[in-house]
Amino acid sequence: ADSVKGRFTISKDNTKNTMYLQMNSLKPEDT
């Protein structure tokens, strides 16, 4: 979404059945 583009990164590890969301440059509106 435009609101998180450039700040958040989604990734996954299929072998661990786990997905991640790295959130950088957090803003109060990310609450």
All heavy atoms as atom14 arrays in JSON, in Angstrom:
{
  "sequence": "ADSVKGRFTISKDNTKNTMYLQMNSLKPEDT",
  "atom14_mask": [
    [1, 1, 1, 1, 1, 0, 0, 0, 0, 0, 0, 0, 0, 0],
    [1, 1, 1, 1, 1, 1, 1, 1, 0, 0, 0, 0, 0, 0],
    [1, 1, 1, 1, 1, 1, 0, 0, 0, 0, 0, 0, 0, 0],
    [1, 1, 1, 1, 1, 1, 1, 0, 0, 0, 0, 0, 0, 0],
    [1, 1, 1, 1, 1, 1, 1, 1, 1, 0, 0, 0, 0, 0],
    [1, 1, 1, 1, 0, 0, 0, 0, 0, 0, 0, 0, 0, 0],
    [1, 1, 1, 1, 1, 1, 1, 1, 1, 1, 1, 0, 0, 0],
    [1, 1, 1, 1, 1, 1, 1, 1, 1, 1, 1, 0, 0, 0],
    [1, 1, 1, 1, 1, 1, 1, 0, 0, 0, 0, 0, 0, 0],
    [1, 1, 1, 1, 1, 1, 1, 1, 0, 0, 0, 0, 0, 0],
    [1, 1, 1, 1, 1, 1, 0, 0, 0, 0, 0, 0, 0, 0],
    [1, 1, 1, 1, 1, 1, 1, 1, 1, 0, 0, 0, 0, 0],
    [1, 1, 1, 1, 1, 1, 1, 1, 0, 0, 0, 0, 0, 0],
    [1, 1, 1, 1, 1, 1, 1, 1, 0, 0, 0, 0, 0, 0],
    [1, 1, 1, 1, 1, 1, 1, 0, 0, 0, 0, 0, 0, 0],
    [1, 1, 1, 1, 1, 1, 1, 1, 1, 0, 0, 0, 0, 0],
    [1, 1, 1, 1, 1, 1, 1, 1, 0, 0, 0, 0, 0, 0],
    [1, 1, 1, 1, 1, 1, 1, 0, 0, 0, 0, 0, 0, 0],
    [1, 1, 1, 1, 1, 1, 1, 1, 0, 0, 0, 0, 0, 0],
    [1, 1, 1, 1, 1, 1, 1, 1, 1, 1, 1, 1, 0, 0],
    [1, 1, 1, 1, 1, 1, 1, 1, 0, 0, 0, 0, 0, 0],
    [1, 1, 1, 1, 1, 1, 1, 1, 1, 0, 0, 0, 0, 0],
    [1, 1, 1, 1, 1, 1, 1, 1, 0, 0, 0, 0, 0, 0],
    [1, 1, 1, 1, 1, 1, 1, 1, 0, 0, 0, 0, 0, 0],
    [1, 1, 1, 1, 1, 1, 0, 0, 0, 0, 0, 0, 0, 0],
    [1, 1, 1, 1, 1, 1, 1, 1, 0, 0, 0, 0, 0, 0],
    [1, 1, 1, 1, 1, 1, 1, 1, 1, 0, 0, 0, 0, 0],
    [1, 1, 1, 1, 1, 1, 1, 0, 0, 0, 0, 0, 0, 0],
    [1, 1, 1, 1, 1, 1, 1, 1, 1, 0, 0, 0, 0, 0],
    [1, 1, 1, 1, 1, 1, 1, 1, 0, 0, 0, 0, 0, 0],
    [1, 1, 1, 1, 1, 1, 1, 0, 0, 0, 0, 0, 0, 0]
  ],
  "atom14_positions": [
    [[0.85, -1.18, 0.0], [0.0, 0.0, 0.0], [0.89, 1.23, 0.0], [2.01, 1.21, 0.52], [-0.9, -0.01, 1.23], [0.0, 0.0, 0.0], [0.0, 0.0, 0.0], [0.0, 0.0, 0.0], [0.0, 0.0, 0.0], [0.0, 0.0, 0.0], [0.0, 0.0, 0.0], [0.0, 0.0, 0.0], [0.0, 0.0, 0.0], [0.0, 0.0, 0.0]],
    [[0.37, 2.3, -0.58], [1.17, 3.53, -0.66], [1.6, 4.02, 0.72], [2.68, 4.6, 0.87], [0.36, 4.62, -1.36], [0.2, 4.36, -2.85], [0.97, 3.54, -3.4], [-0.69, 4.99, -3.46], [0.0, 0.0, 0.0], [0.0, 0.0, 0.0], [0.0, 0.0, 0.0], [0.0, 0.0, 0.0], [0.0, 0.0, 0.0], [0.0, 0.0, 0.0]],
    [[0.77, 3.76, 1.72], [1.05, 4.27, 3.06], [2.29, 3.63, 3.7], [2.86, 4.2, 4.63], [-0.16, 4.06, 3.97], [-0.5, 2.68, 4.03], [0.0, 0.0, 0.0], [0.0, 0.0, 0.0], [0.0, 0.0, 0.0], [0.0, 0.0, 0.0], [0.0, 0.0, 0.0], [0.0, 0.0, 0.0], [0.0, 0.0, 0.0], [0.0, 0.0, 0.0]],
    [[2.7, 2.47, 3.21], [3.85, 1.79, 3.83], [4.98, 1.55, 2.83], [6.06, 1.09, 3.23], [3.43, 0.45, 4.46], [2.3, 0.66, 5.45], [3.07, -0.58, 3.41], [0.0, 0.0, 0.0], [0.0, 0.0, 0.0], [0.0, 0.0, 0.0], [0.0, 0.0, 0.0], [0.0, 0.0, 0.0], [0.0, 0.0, 0.0], [0.0, 0.0, 0.0]],
    [[4.76, 1.86, 1.59], [5.76, 1.61, 0.55], [7.06, 2.34, 0.88], [7.06, 3.51, 1.25], [5.22, 2.05, -0.8], [5.98, 1.54, -2.0], [5.26, 1.91, -3.29], [3.91, 1.27, -3.4], [3.22, 1.6, -4.68], [0.0, 0.0, 0.0], [0.0, 0.0, 0.0], [0.0, 0.0, 0.0], [0.0, 0.0, 0.0], [0.0, 0.0, 0.0]],
    [[8.15, 1.6, 0.77], [9.45, 2.19, 1.06], [9.87, 2.1, 2.52], [11.02, 2.37, 2.86], [0.0, 0.0, 0.0], [0.0, 0.0, 0.0], [0.0, 0.0, 0.0], [0.0, 0.0, 0.0], [0.0, 0.0, 0.0], [0.0, 0.0, 0.0], [0.0, 0.0, 0.0], [0.0, 0.0, 0.0], [0.0, 0.0, 0.0], [0.0, 0.0, 0.0]],
    [[8.94, 1.75, 3.39], [9.23, 1.63, 4.82], [9.08, 0.21, 5.33], [9.81, -0.19, 6.24], [8.29, 2.56, 5.62], [8.4, 4.02, 5.26], [7.58, 4.9, 6.2], [6.16, 4.59, 6.16], [5.45, 4.18, 7.22], [6.04, 4.02, 8.4], [4.15, 3.94, 7.09], [0.0, 0.0, 0.0], [0.0, 0.0, 0.0], [0.0, 0.0, 0.0]],
    [[8.13, -0.53, 4.8], [7.86, -1.89, 5.24], [8.33, -2.88, 4.19], [8.27, -2.6, 2.98], [6.37, -2.1, 5.47], [5.78, -1.36, 6.65], [6.51, -0.41, 7.35], [4.49, -1.62, 7.06], [5.97, 0.28, 8.43], [3.92, -0.95, 8.13], [4.67, 0.0, 8.81], [0.0, 0.0, 0.0], [0.0, 0.0, 0.0], [0.0, 0.0, 0.0]],
    [[8.77, -4.05, 4.64], [9.2, -5.12, 3.74], [8.57, -6.43, 4.18], [8.75, -6.85, 5.33], [10.72, -5.26, 3.72], [11.32, -4.01, 3.33], [11.15, -6.34, 2.75], [0.0, 0.0, 0.0], [0.0, 0.0, 0.0], [0.0, 0.0, 0.0], [0.0, 0.0, 0.0], [0.0, 0.0, 0.0], [0.0, 0.0, 0.0], [0.0, 0.0, 0.0]],
    [[7.88, -7.07, 3.26], [7.28, -8.38, 3.53], [8.2, -9.46, 2.98], [8.82, -9.3, 1.93], [5.87, -8.47, 2.9], [5.17, -9.76, 3.32], [5.93, -8.34, 1.39], [3.71, -9.84, 2.88], [0.0, 0.0, 0.0], [0.0, 0.0, 0.0], [0.0, 0.0, 0.0], [0.0, 0.0, 0.0], [0.0, 0.0, 0.0], [0.0, 0.0, 0.0]],
    [[8.32, -10.55, 3.73], [9.14, -11.67, 3.29], [8.58, -12.94, 3.91], [7.7, -12.89, 4.77], [10.61, -11.48, 3.68], [10.73, -11.42, 5.09], [0.0, 0.0, 0.0], [0.0, 0.0, 0.0], [0.0, 0.0, 0.0], [0.0, 0.0, 0.0], [0.0, 0.0, 0.0], [0.0, 0.0, 0.0], [0.0, 0.0, 0.0], [0.0, 0.0, 0.0]],
    [[9.09, -14.07, 3.47], [8.6, -15.34, 4.0], [9.69, -16.38, 3.93], [10.63, -16.27, 3.15], [7.37, -15.81, 3.23], [7.63, -16.08, 1.76], [6.39, -16.62, 1.07], [6.69, -16.88, -0.4], [5.55, -17.56, -1.09], [0.0, 0.0, 0.0], [0.0, 0.0, 0.0], [0.0, 0.0, 0.0], [0.0, 0.0, 0.0], [0.0, 0.0, 0.0]],
    [[9.54, -17.4, 4.77], [10.43, -18.56, 4.75], [9.53, -19.78, 4.67], [8.94, -20.19, 5.68], [11.29, -18.58, 6.01], [12.34, -19.68, 5.98], [12.11, -20.71, 5.3], [13.36, -19.53, 6.66], [0.0, 0.0, 0.0], [0.0, 0.0, 0.0], [0.0, 0.0, 0.0], [0.0, 0.0, 0.0], [0.0, 0.0, 0.0], [0.0, 0.0, 0.0]],
    [[9.39, -20.32, 3.47], [8.48, -21.46, 3.28], [8.9, -22.67, 4.13], [8.05, -23.44, 4.57], [8.42, -21.86, 1.81], [7.75, -20.81, 0.95], [7.08, -19.92, 1.44], [7.96, -20.91, -0.36], [0.0, 0.0, 0.0], [0.0, 0.0, 0.0], [0.0, 0.0, 0.0], [0.0, 0.0, 0.0], [0.0, 0.0, 0.0], [0.0, 0.0, 0.0]],
    [[10.19, -22.83, 4.35], [10.65, -23.99, 5.11], [10.26, -23.9, 6.58], [10.17, -24.93, 7.26], [12.17, -24.13, 5.0], [12.8, -22.99, 5.61], [12.61, -24.23, 3.56], [0.0, 0.0, 0.0], [0.0, 0.0, 0.0], [0.0, 0.0, 0.0], [0.0, 0.0, 0.0], [0.0, 0.0, 0.0], [0.0, 0.0, 0.0], [0.0, 0.0, 0.0]],
    [[10.03, -22.69, 7.06], [9.65, -22.49, 8.45], [8.17, -22.16, 8.6], [7.7, -21.9, 9.71], [10.48, -21.36, 9.07], [11.97, -21.66, 9.15], [12.72, -20.5, 9.81], [14.21, -20.81, 9.92], [14.95, -19.68, 10.54], [0.0, 0.0, 0.0], [0.0, 0.0, 0.0], [0.0, 0.0, 0.0], [0.0, 0.0, 0.0], [0.0, 0.0, 0.0]],
    [[7.45, -22.15, 7.48], [6.02, -21.78, 7.51], [5.81, -20.45, 8.24], [4.88, -20.29, 9.04], [5.18, -22.87, 8.19], [5.18, -24.17, 7.41], [5.37, -24.18, 6.2], [5.0, -25.27, 8.11], [0.0, 0.0, 0.0], [0.0, 0.0, 0.0], [0.0, 0.0, 0.0], [0.0, 0.0, 0.0], [0.0, 0.0, 0.0], [0.0, 0.0, 0.0]],
    [[6.68, -19.5, 7.95], [6.66, -18.21, 8.64], [6.79, -17.07, 7.63], [7.55, -17.17, 6.67], [7.78, -18.12, 9.68], [7.67, -19.21, 10.59], [7.7, -16.81, 10.46], [0.0, 0.0, 0.0], [0.0, 0.0, 0.0], [0.0, 0.0, 0.0], [0.0, 0.0, 0.0], [0.0, 0.0, 0.0], [0.0, 0.0, 0.0], [0.0, 0.0, 0.0]],
    [[6.04, -16.02, 7.91], [6.1, -14.81, 7.09], [6.48, -13.65, 8.01], [6.18, -13.69, 9.22], [4.74, -14.55, 6.44], [4.66, -13.35, 5.54], [3.07, -13.27, 4.67], [1.94, -12.93, 6.01], [0.0, 0.0, 0.0], [0.0, 0.0, 0.0], [0.0, 0.0, 0.0], [0.0, 0.0, 0.0], [0.0, 0.0, 0.0], [0.0, 0.0, 0.0]],
    [[7.11, -12.64, 7.44], [7.61, -11.53, 8.25], [7.15, -10.2, 7.67], [6.87, -10.07, 6.48], [9.14, -11.56, 8.3], [9.71, -12.87, 8.75], [10.15, -13.82, 7.82], [9.81, -13.19, 10.1], [10.66, -15.03, 8.23], [10.32, -14.4, 10.52], [10.75, -15.32, 9.58], [11.26, -16.53, 9.98], [0.0, 0.0, 0.0], [0.0, 0.0, 0.0]],
    [[7.15, -9.21, 8.53], [6.95, -7.83, 8.09], [7.95, -6.97, 8.84], [7.83, -6.76, 10.05], [5.53, -7.34, 8.37], [5.22, -5.95, 7.81], [5.21, -5.98, 6.28], [3.88, -5.42, 8.35], [0.0, 0.0, 0.0], [0.0, 0.0, 0.0], [0.0, 0.0, 0.0], [0.0, 0.0, 0.0], [0.0, 0.0, 0.0], [0.0, 0.0, 0.0]],
    [[8.97, -6.51, 8.13], [9.94, -5.6, 8.7], [9.41, -4.19, 8.54], [9.14, -3.74, 7.42], [11.29, -5.74, 7.98], [12.35, -4.79, 8.49], [12.78, -5.07, 9.91], [12.99, -6.22, 10.28], [12.9, -4.03, 10.72], [0.0, 0.0, 0.0], [0.0, 0.0, 0.0], [0.0, 0.0, 0.0], [0.0, 0.0, 0.0], [0.0, 0.0, 0.0]],
    [[9.25, -3.51, 9.65], [8.67, -2.17, 9.63], [9.72, -1.17, 10.11], [10.17, -1.23, 11.26], [7.44, -2.12, 10.54], [6.39, -3.17, 10.21], [4.85, -2.96, 11.12], [5.44, -3.2, 12.79], [0.0, 0.0, 0.0], [0.0, 0.0, 0.0], [0.0, 0.0, 0.0], [0.0, 0.0, 0.0], [0.0, 0.0, 0.0], [0.0, 0.0, 0.0]],
    [[10.12, -0.29, 9.23], [11.1, 0.74, 9.55], [10.46, 2.12, 9.45], [9.38, 2.27, 8.87], [12.29, 0.65, 8.59], [13.02, -0.67, 8.68], [13.08, -1.3, 9.74], [13.58, -1.11, 7.56], [0.0, 0.0, 0.0], [0.0, 0.0, 0.0], [0.0, 0.0, 0.0], [0.0, 0.0, 0.0], [0.0, 0.0, 0.0], [0.0, 0.0, 0.0]],
    [[11.14, 3.09, 9.98], [10.65, 4.48, 9.94], [9.19, 4.57, 10.37], [8.35, 5.18, 9.7], [10.82, 5.04, 8.52], [12.17, 4.98, 8.11], [0.0, 0.0, 0.0], [0.0, 0.0, 0.0], [0.0, 0.0, 0.0], [0.0, 0.0, 0.0], [0.0, 0.0, 0.0], [0.0, 0.0, 0.0], [0.0, 0.0, 0.0], [0.0, 0.0, 0.0]],
    [[8.91, 3.95, 11.48], [7.53, 3.89, 11.95], [6.98, 5.28, 12.25], [7.71, 6.19, 12.68], [7.45, 3.01, 13.21], [7.53, 1.5, 12.93], [7.83, 0.74, 14.21], [6.23, 1.01, 12.3], [0.0, 0.0, 0.0], [0.0, 0.0, 0.0], [0.0, 0.0, 0.0], [0.0, 0.0, 0.0], [0.0, 0.0, 0.0], [0.0, 0.0, 0.0]],
    [[5.68, 5.41, 12.01], [4.97, 6.66, 12.25], [3.82, 6.4, 13.22], [3.31, 5.28, 13.29], [4.4, 7.21, 10.94], [5.42, 7.44, 9.85], [4.74, 7.88, 8.56], [5.76, 8.12, 7.46], [5.09, 8.56, 6.2], [0.0, 0.0, 0.0], [0.0, 0.0, 0.0], [0.0, 0.0, 0.0], [0.0, 0.0, 0.0], [0.0, 0.0, 0.0]],
    [[3.38, 7.41, 13.94], [2.23, 7.21, 14.84], [1.01, 6.65, 14.12], [0.25, 5.87, 14.7], [1.97, 8.62, 15.38], [3.32, 9.28, 15.36], [3.97, 8.75, 14.11], [0.0, 0.0, 0.0], [0.0, 0.0, 0.0], [0.0, 0.0, 0.0], [0.0, 0.0, 0.0], [0.0, 0.0, 0.0], [0.0, 0.0, 0.0], [0.0, 0.0, 0.0]],
    [[0.84, 6.99, 12.86], [-0.31, 6.48, 12.11], [-0.19, 5.01, 11.74], [-1.12, 4.43, 11.2], [-0.56, 7.31, 10.84], [0.66, 7.51, 9.97], [1.34, 8.84, 10.24], [1.51, 9.21, 11.43], [1.75, 9.5, 9.25], [0.0, 0.0, 0.0], [0.0, 0.0, 0.0], [0.0, 0.0, 0.0], [0.0, 0.0, 0.0], [0.0, 0.0, 0.0]],
    [[0.94, 4.4, 12.05], [1.09, 2.95, 11.88], [0.5, 2.19, 13.07], [0.45, 0.96, 13.03], [2.56, 2.57, 11.72], [3.16, 3.12, 10.44], [2.47, 3.1, 9.4], [4.33, 3.56, 10.49], [0.0, 0.0, 0.0], [0.0, 0.0, 0.0], [0.0, 0.0, 0.0], [0.0, 0.0, 0.0], [0.0, 0.0, 0.0], [0.0, 0.0, 0.0]],
    [[0.1, 2.89, 14.1], [-0.51, 2.24, 15.26], [-1.76, 1.49, 14.84], [-2.67, 2.07, 14.24], [-0.86, 3.29, 16.32], [0.35, 3.88, 16.82], [-1.62, 2.66, 17.48], [0.0, 0.0, 0.0], [0.0, 0.0, 0.0], [0.0, 0.0, 0.0], [0.0, 0.0, 0.0], [0.0, 0.0, 0.0], [0.0, 0.0, 0.0], [0.0, 0.0, 0.0]]
  ]
}
